[in-house]
PDB file of N, CA and C in Angstrom:
ATOM      1  N   MET A   1      87.684  82.880 122.472  1.00  0.00           N
ATOM      2  CA  MET A   1      87.728  83.326 121.102  1.00  0.00           C
ATOM      3  C   MET A   1      87.337  82.158 120.191  1.00  0.00           C
ATOM      4  N   LEU A   2      86.483  82.454 119.234  1.00  0.00           N
ATOM      5  CA  LEU A   2      86.052  81.445 118.267  1.00  0.00           C
ATOM      6  C   LEU A   2      87.154  81.233 117.239  1.00  0.00           C
ATOM      7  N   ARG A   3      87.541  79.996 117.067  1.00  0.00           N
ATOM      8  CA  ARG A   3      88.563  79.668 116.065  1.00  0.00           C
ATOM      9  C   ARG A   3      87.997  78.616 115.126  1.00  0.00           C
ATOM     10  N   LEU A   4      87.959  78.972 113.866  1.00  0.00           N
ATOM     11  CA  LEU A   4      87.506  78.024 112.851  1.00  0.00           C
ATOM     12  C   LEU A   4      88.718  77.489 112.123  1.00  0.00           C
ATOM     13  N   LYS A   5      88.673  76.213 111.803  1.00  0.00           N
ATOM     14  CA  LYS A   5      89.813  75.608 111.126  1.00  0.00           C
ATOM     15  C   LYS A   5      89.360  74.906 109.869  1.00  0.00           C
ATOM     16  N   GLY A   6      90.267  74.870 108.912  1.00  0.00           N
ATOM     17  CA  GLY A   6      90.115  74.063 107.714  1.00  0.00           C
ATOM     18  C   GLY A   6      88.774  74.125 107.030  1.00  0.00           C
ATOM     19  N   GLU A   7      88.114  72.972 107.010  1.00  0.00           N
ATOM     20  CA  GLU A   7      86.866  72.812 106.266  1.00  0.00           C
ATOM     21  C   GLU A   7      85.766  73.740 106.786  1.00  0.00           C
ATOM     22  N   LYS A   8      85.669  73.918 108.095  1.00  0.00           N
ATOM     23  CA  LYS A   8      84.632  74.786 108.679  1.00  0.00           C
ATOM     24  C   LYS A   8      84.847  76.235 108.239  1.00  0.00           C
ATOM     25  N   LEU A   9      86.084  76.680 108.231  1.00  0.00           N
ATOM     26  CA  LEU A   9      86.402  78.039 107.792  1.00  0.00           C
ATOM     27  C   LEU A   9      86.042  78.215 106.325  1.00  0.00           C
ATOM     28  N   MET A  10      86.377  77.242 105.496  1.00  0.00           N
ATOM     29  CA  MET A  10      86.050  77.320 104.069  1.00  0.00           C
ATOM     30  C   MET A  10      84.541  77.340 103.855  1.00  0.00           C
ATOM     31  N   GLN A  11      83.798  76.569 104.637  1.00  0.00           N
ATOM     32  CA  GLN A  11      82.340  76.535 104.505  1.00  0.00           C
ATOM     33  C   GLN A  11      81.749  77.903 104.834  1.00  0.00           C
ATOM     34  N   CYS A  12      82.226  78.537 105.911  1.00  0.00           N
ATOM     35  CA  CYS A  12      81.740  79.871 106.280  1.00  0.00           C
ATOM     36  C   CYS A  12      82.073  80.878 105.192  1.00  0.00           C
ATOM     37  N   SER A  13      83.270  80.797 104.661  1.00  0.00           N
ATOM     38  CA  SER A  13      83.683  81.702 103.594  1.00  0.00           C
ATOM     39  C   SER A  13      82.811  81.512 102.358  1.00  0.00           C
ATOM     40  N   LYS A  14      82.584  80.268 101.975  1.00  0.00           N
ATOM     41  CA  LYS A  14      81.758  79.956 100.803  1.00  0.00           C
ATOM     42  C   LYS A  14      80.342  80.491 100.995  1.00  0.00           C
ATOM     43  N   GLU A  15      79.783  80.290 102.179  1.00  0.00           N
ATOM     44  CA  GLU A  15      78.427  80.754 102.459  1.00  0.00           C
ATOM     45  C   GLU A  15      78.336  82.279 102.455  1.00  0.00           C
ATOM     46  N   PHE A  16      79.381  82.956 102.895  1.00  0.00           N
ATOM     47  CA  PHE A  16      79.409  84.424 102.853  1.00  0.00           C
ATOM     48  C   PHE A  16      79.287  84.914 101.416  1.00  0.00           C
ATOM     49  N   TRP A  17      80.118  84.363 100.520  1.00  0.00           N
ATOM     50  CA  TRP A  17      80.099  84.788  99.118  1.00  0.00           C
ATOM     51  C   TRP A  17      78.780  84.417  98.449  1.00  0.00           C
ATOM     52  N   GLU A  18      78.229  83.260  98.800  1.00  0.00           N
ATOM     53  CA  GLU A  18      76.929  82.871  98.240  1.00  0.00           C
ATOM     54  C   GLU A  18      75.821  83.813  98.711  1.00  0.00           C
ATOM     55  N   ALA A  19      75.902  84.273  99.955  1.00  0.00           N
ATOM     56  CA  ALA A  19      74.920  85.232 100.465  1.00  0.00           C
ATOM     57  C   ALA A  19      75.025  86.554  99.704  1.00  0.00           C
ATOM     58  N   LEU A  20      76.248  87.005  99.435  1.00  0.00           N
ATOM     59  CA  LEU A  20      76.426  88.223  98.633  1.00  0.00           C
ATOM     60  C   LEU A  20      75.883  88.025  97.225  1.00  0.00           C
ATOM     61  N   ASP A  21      76.161  86.861  96.623  1.00  0.00           N
ATOM     62  CA  ASP A  21      75.619  86.560  95.286  1.00  0.00           C
ATOM     63  C   ASP A  21      74.101  86.695  95.290  1.00  0.00           C
ATOM     64  N   SER A  22      73.460  86.120  96.291  1.00  0.00           N
ATOM     65  CA  SER A  22      72.004  86.155  96.385  1.00  0.00           C
ATOM     66  C   SER A  22      71.498  87.587  96.533  1.00  0.00           C
ATOM     67  N   LEU A  23      72.163  88.356  97.371  1.00  0.00           N
ATOM     68  CA  LEU A  23      71.771  89.749  97.580  1.00  0.00           C
ATOM     69  C   LEU A  23      71.853  90.544  96.282  1.00  0.00           C
ATOM     70  N   VAL A  24      72.944  90.381  95.549  1.00  0.00           N
ATOM     71  CA  VAL A  24      73.122  91.113  94.289  1.00  0.00           C
ATOM     72  C   VAL A  24      72.128  90.625  93.236  1.00  0.00           C
ATOM     73  N   GLU A  25      71.928  89.314  93.145  1.00  0.00           N
ATOM     74  CA  GLU A  25      70.993  88.756  92.157  1.00  0.00           C
ATOM     75  C   GLU A  25      69.571  89.254  92.370  1.00  0.00           C
ATOM     76  N   LYS A  26      69.202  89.506  93.623  1.00  0.00           N
ATOM     77  CA  LYS A  26      67.836  89.925  93.944  1.00  0.00           C
ATOM     78  C   LYS A  26      67.691  91.443  94.041  1.00  0.00           C
ATOM     79  N   SER A  27      68.746  92.172  93.689  1.00  0.00           N
ATOM     80  CA  SER A  27      68.731  93.632  93.792  1.00  0.00           C
ATOM     81  C   SER A  27      69.035  94.260  92.443  1.00  0.00           C
ATOM     82  N   GLU A  28      68.560  95.471  92.275  1.00  0.00           N
ATOM     83  CA  GLU A  28      68.908  96.246  91.087  1.00  0.00           C
ATOM     84  C   GLU A  28      70.159  97.055  91.392  1.00  0.00           C
ATOM     85  N   VAL A  29      71.164  96.950  90.519  1.00  0.00           N
ATOM     86  CA  VAL A  29      72.384  97.738  90.677  1.00  0.00           C
ATOM     87  C   VAL A  29      72.141  99.100  90.039  1.00  0.00           C
ATOM     88  N   ILE A  30      72.274 100.151  90.841  1.00  0.00           N
ATOM     89  CA  ILE A  30      72.115 101.522  90.368  1.00  0.00           C
ATOM     90  C   ILE A  30      73.500 102.160  90.314  1.00  0.00           C
ATOM     91  N   ILE A  31      73.927 102.575  89.125  1.00  0.00           N
ATOM     92  CA  ILE A  31      75.205 103.284  88.986  1.00  0.00           C
ATOM     93  C   ILE A  31      74.882 104.774  88.951  1.00  0.00           C
ATOM     94  N   ASP A  32      75.094 105.438  90.081  1.00  0.00           N
ATOM     95  CA  ASP A  32      74.795 106.866  90.155  1.00  0.00           C
ATOM     96  C   ASP A  32      76.042 107.739  90.013  1.00  0.00           C
ATOM     97  N   ARG A  33      77.204 107.093  89.944  1.00  0.00           N
ATOM     98  CA  ARG A  33      78.461 107.820  89.746  1.00  0.00           C
ATOM     99  C   ARG A  33      79.289 107.077  88.697  1.00  0.00           C
ATOM    100  N   PRO A  34      78.969 107.289  87.427  1.00  0.00           N
ATOM    101  CA  PRO A  34      79.675 106.582  86.354  1.00  0.00           C
ATOM    102  C   PRO A  34      81.160 106.952  86.286  1.00  0.00           C
ATOM    103  N   LYS A  35      81.922 106.026  85.750  1.00  0.00           N
ATOM    104  CA  LYS A  35      83.353 106.245  85.514  1.00  0.00           C
ATOM    105  C   LYS A  35      83.530 107.576  84.783  1.00  0.00           C
ATOM    106  N   GLY A  36      84.489 108.383  85.255  1.00  0.00           N
ATOM    107  CA  GLY A  36      84.793 109.662  84.619  1.00  0.00           C
ATOM    108  C   GLY A  36      84.053 110.853  85.194  1.00  0.00           C
ATOM    109  N   THR A  37      83.097 110.611  86.120  1.00  0.00           N
ATOM    110  CA  THR A  37      82.359 111.726  86.715  1.00  0.00           C
ATOM    111  C   THR A  37      82.980 112.135  88.045  1.00  0.00           C
ATOM    112  N   ALA A  38      82.671 113.367  88.461  1.00  0.00           N
ATOM    113  CA  ALA A  38      83.198 113.904  89.713  1.00  0.00           C
ATOM    114  C   ALA A  38      82.281 113.539  90.877  1.00  0.00           C
ATOM    115  N   HIS A  39      82.889 113.411  92.045  1.00  0.00           N
ATOM    116  CA  HIS A  39      82.127 113.198  93.276  1.00  0.00           C
ATOM    117  C   HIS A  39      81.256 114.433  93.512  1.00  0.00           C
ATOM    118  N   PRO A  40      80.013 114.265  93.972  1.00  0.00           N
ATOM    119  CA  PRO A  40      79.127 115.419  94.141  1.00  0.00           C
ATOM    120  C   PRO A  40      79.617 116.464  95.150  1.00  0.00           C
ATOM    121  N   ARG A  41      80.369 116.056  96.159  1.00  0.00           N
ATOM    122  CA  ARG A  41      80.869 117.016  97.155  1.00  0.00           C
ATOM    123  C   ARG A  41      82.346 117.342  96.996  1.00  0.00           C
ATOM    124  N   TYR A  42      83.093 116.472  96.354  1.00  0.00           N
ATOM    125  CA  TYR A  42      84.539 116.665  96.200  1.00  0.00           C
ATOM    126  C   TYR A  42      84.854 116.682  94.711  1.00  0.00           C
ATOM    127  N   GLN A  43      84.736 117.837  94.090  1.00  0.00           N
ATOM    128  CA  GLN A  43      84.839 117.961  92.637  1.00  0.00           C
ATOM    129  C   GLN A  43      86.192 117.520  92.070  1.00  0.00           C
ATOM    130  N   ASN A  44      87.232 117.502  92.899  1.00  0.00           N
ATOM    131  CA  ASN A  44      88.549 117.055  92.428  1.00  0.00           C
ATOM    132  C   ASN A  44      88.654 115.534  92.344  1.00  0.00           C
ATOM    133  N   PHE A  45      87.693 114.833  92.942  1.00  0.00           N
ATOM    134  CA  PHE A  45      87.714 113.372  92.915  1.00  0.00           C
ATOM    135  C   PHE A  45      86.916 112.880  91.716  1.00  0.00           C
ATOM    136  N   ILE A  46      87.583 112.167  90.821  1.00  0.00           N
ATOM    137  CA  ILE A  46      86.947 111.609  89.627  1.00  0.00           C
ATOM    138  C   ILE A  46      86.888 110.087  89.775  1.00  0.00           C
ATOM    139  N   TYR A  47      85.718 109.525  89.573  1.00  0.00           N
ATOM    140  CA  TYR A  47      85.560 108.070  89.662  1.00  0.00           C
ATOM    141  C   TYR A  47      86.248 107.396  88.481  1.00  0.00           C
ATOM    142  N   GLU A  48      87.115 106.429  88.785  1.00  0.00           N
ATOM    143  CA  GLU A  48      87.840 105.697  87.740  1.00  0.00           C
ATOM    144  C   GLU A  48      87.154 104.386  87.373  1.00  0.00           C
ATOM    145  N   VAL A  49      86.145 104.013  88.143  1.00  0.00           N
ATOM    146  CA  VAL A  49      85.354 102.801  87.916  1.00  0.00           C
ATOM    147  C   VAL A  49      83.911 103.167  88.272  1.00  0.00           C
ATOM    148  N   ASP A  50      82.938 102.587  87.561  1.00  0.00           N
ATOM    149  CA  ASP A  50      81.532 102.848  87.879  1.00  0.00           C
ATOM    150  C   ASP A  50      81.254 102.541  89.349  1.00  0.00           C
ATOM    151  N   TYR A  51      80.500 103.441  90.005  1.00  0.00           N
ATOM    152  CA  TYR A  51      80.210 103.311  91.432  1.00  0.00           C
ATOM    153  C   TYR A  51      78.723 103.542  91.662  1.00  0.00           C
ATOM    154  N   GLY A  52      78.149 102.742  92.527  1.00  0.00           N
ATOM    155  CA  GLY A  52      76.733 102.911  92.814  1.00  0.00           C
ATOM    156  C   GLY A  52      76.326 102.133  94.045  1.00  0.00           C
ATOM    157  N   TYR A  53      75.114 101.594  93.985  1.00  0.00           N
ATOM    158  CA  TYR A  53      74.573 100.907  95.154  1.00  0.00           C
ATOM    159  C   TYR A  53      73.526  99.886  94.729  1.00  0.00           C
ATOM    160  N   LEU A  54      73.167  99.029  95.672  1.00  0.00           N
ATOM    161  CA  LEU A  54      72.098  98.057  95.458  1.00  0.00           C
ATOM    162  C   LEU A  54      70.791  98.677  95.945  1.00  0.00           C
ATOM    163  N   LYS A  55      69.843  98.817  95.042  1.00  0.00           N
ATOM    164  CA  LYS A  55      68.552  99.423  95.368  1.00  0.00           C
ATOM    165  C   LYS A  55      67.822  98.580  96.419  1.00  0.00           C
ATOM    166  N   ASN A  56      67.146  99.274  97.329  1.00  0.00           N
ATOM    167  CA  ASN A  56      66.356  98.646  98.397  1.00  0.00           C
ATOM    168  C   ASN A  56      67.185  97.784  99.342  1.00  0.00           C
ATOM    169  N   THR A  57      68.429  98.227  99.588  1.00  0.00           N
ATOM    170  CA  THR A  57      69.269  97.613 100.615  1.00  0.00           C
ATOM    171  C   THR A  57      69.686  98.726 101.575  1.00  0.00           C
ATOM    172  N   ALA A  58      70.320  98.366 102.673  1.00  0.00           N
ATOM    173  CA  ALA A  58      70.722  99.362 103.664  1.00  0.00           C
ATOM    174  C   ALA A  58      72.161  99.136 104.099  1.00  0.00           C
ATOM    175  N   SER A  59      72.874 100.238 104.278  1.00  0.00           N
ATOM    176  CA  SER A  59      74.237 100.171 104.804  1.00  0.00           C
ATOM    177  C   SER A  59      74.359 101.162 105.961  1.00  0.00           C
ATOM    178  N   MET A  60      75.540 101.221 106.550  1.00  0.00           N
ATOM    179  CA  MET A  60      75.759 102.045 107.742  1.00  0.00           C
ATOM    180  C   MET A  60      75.467 103.527 107.524  1.00  0.00           C
ATOM    181  N   ASP A  61      75.673 104.035 106.311  1.00  0.00           N
ATOM    182  CA  ASP A  61      75.463 105.469 106.070  1.00  0.00           C
ATOM    183  C   ASP A  61      74.013 105.808 105.728  1.00  0.00           C
ATOM    184  N   GLY A  62      73.129 104.812 105.800  1.00  0.00           N
ATOM    185  CA  GLY A  62      71.723 105.053 105.529  1.00  0.00           C
ATOM    186  C   GLY A  62      71.337 104.881 104.072  1.00  0.00           C
ATOM    187  N   GLY A  63      72.312 104.730 103.207  1.00  0.00           N
ATOM    188  CA  GLY A  63      72.041 104.499 101.791  1.00  0.00           C
ATOM    189  C   GLY A  63      72.056 103.017 101.487  1.00  0.00           C
ATOM    190  N   GLY A  64      72.014 102.695 100.210  1.00  0.00           N
ATOM    191  CA  GLY A  64      72.105 101.306  99.790  1.00  0.00           C
ATOM    192  C   GLY A  64      73.523 100.779  99.929  1.00  0.00           C
ATOM    193  N   ILE A  65      73.670  99.472  99.852  1.00  0.00           N
ATOM    194  CA  ILE A  65      74.997  98.855  99.913  1.00  0.00           C
ATOM    195  C   ILE A  65      75.778  99.274  98.676  1.00  0.00           C
ATOM    196  N   ASP A  66      76.991  99.772  98.891  1.00  0.00           N
ATOM    197  CA  ASP A  66      77.818 100.306  97.810  1.00  0.00           C
ATOM    198  C   ASP A  66      78.387  99.208  96.932  1.00  0.00           C
ATOM    199  N   VAL A  67      78.487  99.517  95.633  1.00  0.00           N
ATOM    200  CA  VAL A  67      79.095  98.596  94.673  1.00  0.00           C
ATOM    201  C   VAL A  67      80.032  99.347  93.737  1.00  0.00           C
ATOM    202  N   TRP A  68      81.090  98.681  93.371  1.00  0.00           N
ATOM    203  CA  TRP A  68      81.961  99.093  92.272  1.00  0.00           C
ATOM    204  C   TRP A  68      81.686  98.099  91.153  1.00  0.00           C
ATOM    205  N   LYS A  69      81.380  98.596  89.953  1.00  0.00           N
ATOM    206  CA  LYS A  69      81.052  97.713  88.824  1.00  0.00           C
ATOM    207  C   LYS A  69      82.110  97.880  87.745  1.00  0.00           C
ATOM    208  N   GLY A  70      82.854  96.813  87.517  1.00  0.00           N
ATOM    209  CA  GLY A  70      83.955  96.844  86.567  1.00  0.00           C
ATOM    210  C   GLY A  70      83.558  96.444  85.162  1.00  0.00           C
ATOM    211  N   THR A  71      84.574  96.261  84.339  1.00  0.00           N
ATOM    212  CA  THR A  71      84.375  95.999  82.908  1.00  0.00           C
ATOM    213  C   THR A  71      84.664  94.562  82.504  1.00  0.00           C
ATOM    214  N   ASP A  72      84.968  93.688  83.466  1.00  0.00           N
ATOM    215  CA  ASP A  72      85.223  92.291  83.135  1.00  0.00           C
ATOM    216  C   ASP A  72      83.956  91.668  82.547  1.00  0.00           C
ATOM    217  N   LYS A  73      84.133  90.828  81.522  1.00  0.00           N
ATOM    218  CA  LYS A  73      82.958  90.235  80.861  1.00  0.00           C
ATOM    219  C   LYS A  73      82.150  89.359  81.808  1.00  0.00           C
ATOM    220  N   ASP A  74      82.805  88.724  82.769  1.00  0.00           N
ATOM    221  CA  ASP A  74      82.103  87.946  83.794  1.00  0.00           C
ATOM    222  C   ASP A  74      81.713  88.898  84.922  1.00  0.00           C
ATOM    223  N   GLN A  75      80.497  89.327  84.922  1.00  0.00           N
ATOM    224  CA  GLN A  75      80.026  90.287  85.925  1.00  0.00           C
ATOM    225  C   GLN A  75      79.645  89.575  87.217  1.00  0.00           C
ATOM    226  N   LYS A  76      80.671  89.004  87.866  1.00  0.00           N
ATOM    227  CA  LYS A  76      80.469  88.267  89.111  1.00  0.00           C
ATOM    228  C   LYS A  76      81.154  89.002  90.253  1.00  0.00           C
ATOM    229  N   ILE A  77      80.671  88.746  91.452  1.00  0.00           N
ATOM    230  CA  ILE A  77      81.319  89.319  92.632  1.00  0.00           C
ATOM    231  C   ILE A  77      82.657  88.624  92.805  1.00  0.00           C
ATOM    232  N   ASP A  78      83.731  89.416  92.782  1.00  0.00           N
ATOM    233  CA  ASP A  78      85.055  88.812  92.891  1.00  0.00           C
ATOM    234  C   ASP A  78      85.854  89.322  94.079  1.00  0.00           C
ATOM    235  N   ALA A  79      85.312  90.325  94.787  1.00  0.00           N
ATOM    236  CA  ALA A  79      86.012  90.859  95.954  1.00  0.00           C
ATOM    237  C   ALA A  79      85.081  91.826  96.679  1.00  0.00           C
ATOM    238  N   ILE A  80      85.483  92.189  97.887  1.00  0.00           N
ATOM    239  CA  ILE A  80      84.850  93.285  98.612  1.00  0.00           C
ATOM    240  C   ILE A  80      85.959  94.165  99.158  1.00  0.00           C
ATOM    241  N   VAL A  81      85.612  95.389  99.460  1.00  0.00           N
ATOM    242  CA  VAL A  81      86.510  96.270 100.191  1.00  0.00           C
ATOM    243  C   VAL A  81      85.802  96.631 101.488  1.00  0.00           C
ATOM    244  N   CYS A  82      86.469  96.415 102.614  1.00  0.00           N
ATOM    245  CA  CYS A  82      85.968  96.853 103.917  1.00  0.00           C
ATOM    246  C   CYS A  82      86.660  98.168 104.237  1.00  0.00           C
ATOM    247  N   THR A  83      85.868  99.197 104.532  1.00  0.00           N
ATOM    248  CA  THR A  83      86.443 100.522 104.760  1.00  0.00           C
ATOM    249  C   THR A  83      86.164 101.023 106.169  1.00  0.00           C
ATOM    250  N   VAL A  84      87.057 101.885 106.631  1.00  0.00           N
ATOM    251  CA  VAL A  84      86.873 102.659 107.853  1.00  0.00           C
ATOM    252  C   VAL A  84      87.072 104.113 107.462  1.00  0.00           C
ATOM    253  N   ASP A  85      86.063 104.944 107.740  1.00  0.00           N
ATOM    254  CA  ASP A  85      86.117 106.368 107.423  1.00  0.00           C
ATOM    255  C   ASP A  85      86.118 107.138 108.741  1.00  0.00           C
ATOM    256  N   LEU A  86      87.267 107.701 109.094  1.00  0.00           N
ATOM    257  CA  LEU A  86      87.391 108.405 110.366  1.00  0.00           C
ATOM    258  C   LEU A  86      86.642 109.732 110.363  1.00  0.00           C
ATOM    259  N   THR A  87      86.455 110.340 109.194  1.00  0.00           N
ATOM    260  CA  THR A  87      85.706 111.593 109.105  1.00  0.00           C
ATOM    261  C   THR A  87      84.227 111.344 109.381  1.00  0.00           C
ATOM    262  N   LYS A  88      83.655 110.353 108.708  1.00  0.00           N
ATOM    263  CA  LYS A  88      82.241 110.010 108.912  1.00  0.00           C
ATOM    264  C   LYS A  88      82.038 109.135 110.151  1.00  0.00           C
ATOM    265  N   ARG A  89      83.138 108.594 110.673  1.00  0.00           N
ATOM    266  CA  ARG A  89      83.113 107.706 111.835  1.00  0.00           C
ATOM    267  C   ARG A  89      82.234 106.487 111.570  1.00  0.00           C
ATOM    268  N   ASP A  90      82.491 105.850 110.414  1.00  0.00           N
ATOM    269  CA  ASP A  90      81.743 104.645 110.087  1.00  0.00           C
ATOM    270  C   ASP A  90      82.625 103.627 109.396  1.00  0.00           C
ATOM    271  N   SER A  91      82.036 102.473 109.184  1.00  0.00           N
ATOM    272  CA  SER A  91      82.700 101.383 108.489  1.00  0.00           C
ATOM    273  C   SER A  91      81.680 100.748 107.562  1.00  0.00           C
ATOM    274  N   GLU A  92      82.110 100.342 106.377  1.00  0.00           N
ATOM    275  CA  GLU A  92      81.199  99.762 105.394  1.00  0.00           C
ATOM    276  C   GLU A  92      81.912  98.699 104.577  1.00  0.00           C
ATOM    277  N   ILE A  93      81.107  97.941 103.821  1.00  0.00           N
ATOM    278  CA  ILE A  93      81.693  97.108 102.782  1.00  0.00           C
ATOM    279  C   ILE A  93      81.248  97.649 101.434  1.00  0.00           C
ATOM    280  N   LYS A  94      82.096  97.478 100.459  1.00  0.00           N
ATOM    281  CA  LYS A  94      81.811  97.824  99.071  1.00  0.00           C
ATOM    282  C   LYS A  94      81.955  96.520  98.287  1.00  0.00           C
ATOM    283  N   ILE A  95      80.946  96.180  97.503  1.00  0.00           N
ATOM    284  CA  ILE A  95      80.973  94.944  96.725  1.00  0.00           C
ATOM    285  C   ILE A  95      81.565  95.240  95.354  1.00  0.00           C
ATOM    286  N   LEU A  96      82.545  94.452  94.934  1.00  0.00           N
ATOM    287  CA  LEU A  96      83.159  94.607  93.614  1.00  0.00           C
ATOM    288  C   LEU A  96      82.559  93.575  92.673  1.00  0.00           C
ATOM    289  N   ILE A  97      81.953  94.066  91.607  1.00  0.00           N
ATOM    290  CA  ILE A  97      81.292  93.199  90.635  1.00  0.00           C
ATOM    291  C   ILE A  97      82.033  93.296  89.308  1.00  0.00           C
ATOM    292  N   GLY A  98      82.580  92.182  88.853  1.00  0.00           N
ATOM    293  CA  GLY A  98      83.213  92.129  87.541  1.00  0.00           C
ATOM    294  C   GLY A  98      84.369  93.091  87.355  1.00  0.00           C
ATOM    295  N   CYS A  99      85.220  93.202  88.335  1.00  0.00           N
ATOM    296  CA  CYS A  99      86.348  94.136  88.251  1.00  0.00           C
ATOM    297  C   CYS A  99      87.618  93.428  87.783  1.00  0.00           C
ATOM    298  N   THR A 100      88.323  94.059  86.865  1.00  0.00           N
ATOM    299  CA  THR A 100      89.616  93.556  86.419  1.00  0.00           C
ATOM    300  C   THR A 100      90.647  93.812  87.517  1.00  0.00           C
ATOM    301  N   GLU A 101      91.816  93.217  87.390  1.00  0.00           N
ATOM    302  CA  GLU A 101      92.877  93.456  88.376  1.00  0.00           C
ATOM    303  C   GLU A 101      93.250  94.937  88.425  1.00  0.00           C
ATOM    304  N   GLU A 102      93.312  95.590  87.273  1.00  0.00           N
ATOM    305  CA  GLU A 102      93.632  97.024  87.229  1.00  0.00           C
ATOM    306  C   GLU A 102      92.556  97.839  87.952  1.00  0.00           C
ATOM    307  N   GLU A 103      91.301  97.483  87.747  1.00  0.00           N
ATOM    308  CA  GLU A 103      90.212  98.194  88.427  1.00  0.00           C
ATOM    309  C   GLU A 103      90.261  97.957  89.935  1.00  0.00           C
ATOM    310  N   LYS A 104      90.575  96.736  90.354  1.00  0.00           N
ATOM    311  CA  LYS A 104      90.700  96.450  91.788  1.00  0.00           C
ATOM    312  C   LYS A 104      91.793  97.304  92.415  1.00  0.00           C
ATOM    313  N   GLU A 105      92.898  97.463  91.705  1.00  0.00           N
ATOM    314  CA  GLU A 105      93.987  98.292  92.214  1.00  0.00           C
ATOM    315  C   GLU A 105      93.540  99.747  92.353  1.00  0.00           C
ATOM    316  N   LYS A 106      92.821 100.257  91.360  1.00  0.00           N
ATOM    317  CA  LYS A 106      92.311 101.636  91.427  1.00  0.00           C
ATOM    318  C   LYS A 106      91.352 101.806  92.604  1.00  0.00           C
ATOM    319  N   ILE A 107      90.476 100.842  92.797  1.00  0.00           N
ATOM    320  CA  ILE A 107      89.510 100.896  93.897  1.00  0.00           C
ATOM    321  C   ILE A 107      90.231 100.846  95.237  1.00  0.00           C
ATOM    322  N   TYR A 108      91.190  99.941  95.366  1.00  0.00           N
ATOM    323  CA  TYR A 108      91.975  99.844  96.598  1.00  0.00           C
ATOM    324  C   TYR A 108      92.654 101.179  96.894  1.00  0.00           C
ATOM    325  N   ASN A 109      93.288 101.754  95.893  1.00  0.00           N
ATOM    326  CA  ASN A 109      93.974 103.035  96.080  1.00  0.00           C
ATOM    327  C   ASN A 109      93.000 104.147  96.452  1.00  0.00           C
ATOM    328  N   THR A 110      91.805 104.122  95.872  1.00  0.00           N
ATOM    329  CA  THR A 110      90.784 105.118  96.200  1.00  0.00           C
ATOM    330  C   THR A 110      90.476 105.112  97.692  1.00  0.00           C
ATOM    331  N   HIS A 111      90.409 103.931  98.274  1.00  0.00           N
ATOM    332  CA  HIS A 111      90.042 103.820  99.686  1.00  0.00           C
ATOM    333  C   HIS A 111      91.245 103.908 100.622  1.00  0.00           C
ATOM    334  N   ASN A 112      92.403 104.214 100.087  1.00  0.00           N
ATOM    335  CA  ASN A 112      93.604 104.335 100.920  1.00  0.00           C
ATOM    336  C   ASN A 112      94.430 105.565 100.572  1.00  0.00           C
ATOM    337  N   ASN A 113      93.805 106.582  99.979  1.00  0.00           N
ATOM    338  CA  ASN A 113      94.576 107.745  99.540  1.00  0.00           C
ATOM    339  C   ASN A 113      94.520 108.914 100.515  1.00  0.00           C
ATOM    340  N   SER A 114      93.962 108.713 101.699  1.00  0.00           N
ATOM    341  CA  SER A 114      93.957 109.785 102.700  1.00  0.00           C
ATOM    342  C   SER A 114      94.167 109.181 104.082  1.00  0.00           C
ATOM    343  N   SER A 115      94.516 110.038 105.026  1.00  0.00           N
ATOM    344  CA  SER A 115      94.731 109.541 106.386  1.00  0.00           C
ATOM    345  C   SER A 115      93.413 109.267 107.099  1.00  0.00           C
ATOM    346  N   SER A 116      92.292 109.769 106.554  1.00  0.00           N
ATOM    347  CA  SER A 116      91.008 109.588 107.229  1.00  0.00           C
ATOM    348  C   SER A 116      90.213 108.382 106.730  1.00  0.00           C
ATOM    349  N   MET A 117      90.638 107.770 105.622  1.00  0.00           N
ATOM    350  CA  MET A 117      89.939 106.583 105.126  1.00  0.00           C
ATOM    351  C   MET A 117      90.942 105.479 104.812  1.00  0.00           C
ATOM    352  N   LYS A 118      90.607 104.286 105.262  1.00  0.00           N
ATOM    353  CA  LYS A 118      91.435 103.115 104.982  1.00  0.00           C
ATOM    354  C   LYS A 118      90.528 101.958 104.590  1.00  0.00           C
ATOM    355  N   GLY A 119      91.045 101.102 103.729  1.00  0.00           N
ATOM    356  CA  GLY A 119      90.272  99.954 103.293  1.00  0.00           C
ATOM    357  C   GLY A 119      91.158  98.745 103.069  1.00  0.00           C
ATOM    358  N   ILE A 120      90.547  97.573 103.187  1.00  0.00           N
ATOM    359  CA  ILE A 120      91.245  96.338 102.844  1.00  0.00           C
ATOM    360  C   ILE A 120      90.444  95.637 101.749  1.00  0.00           C
ATOM    361  N   LEU A 121      91.153  95.053 100.819  1.00  0.00           N
ATOM    362  CA  LEU A 121      90.547  94.303  99.724  1.00  0.00           C
ATOM    363  C   LEU A 121      90.538  92.829 100.113  1.00  0.00           C
ATOM    364  N   ILE A 122      89.372  92.221 100.065  1.00  0.00           N
ATOM    365  CA  ILE A 122      89.235  90.798 100.364  1.00  0.00           C
ATOM    366  C   ILE A 122      88.754  90.108  99.099  1.00  0.00           C
ATOM    367  N   ARG A 123      89.596  89.223  98.585  1.00  0.00           N
ATOM    368  CA  ARG A 123      89.279  88.519  97.341  1.00  0.00           C
ATOM    369  C   ARG A 123      88.419  87.295  97.615  1.00  0.00           C
ATOM    370  N   ARG A 124      87.599  86.980  96.633  1.00  0.00           N
ATOM    371  CA  ARG A 124      86.772  85.783  96.739  1.00  0.00           C
ATOM    372  C   ARG A 124      87.671  84.552  96.755  1.00  0.00           C
ATOM    373  N   TYR A 125      87.264  83.510  97.466  1.00  0.00           N
ATOM    374  CA  TYR A 125      88.035  82.272  97.581  1.00  0.00           C
ATOM    375  C   TYR A 125      88.410  81.706  96.245  1.00  0.00           C
TER     376      TYR A 125
END
């Protein structure tokens, strides 16, 4: 088993976030599900934070990499959510851009409100 310690672990973590920064900087963020709108297939689900994807990227579901875009004035990547969806039988990451603590809580709850989907929130270093 690979075990990273101290400085090496921090370097890998830093490089991960820098890679995400680069990906977002070089991509167009498309918000196709604005805050307050219903999910296209689940009309009872209302988005509490803007949701979309990075144009010309790829994720496990065949679409672009998912993003949650918050209202914080600093529109920086501050966390990701790693999800497991037992219904779709997939796993993905969702990039959180400029989300307040309240928005992060809403996003976390969104990905943990059913027995078929679970997510973990990973904060930036």
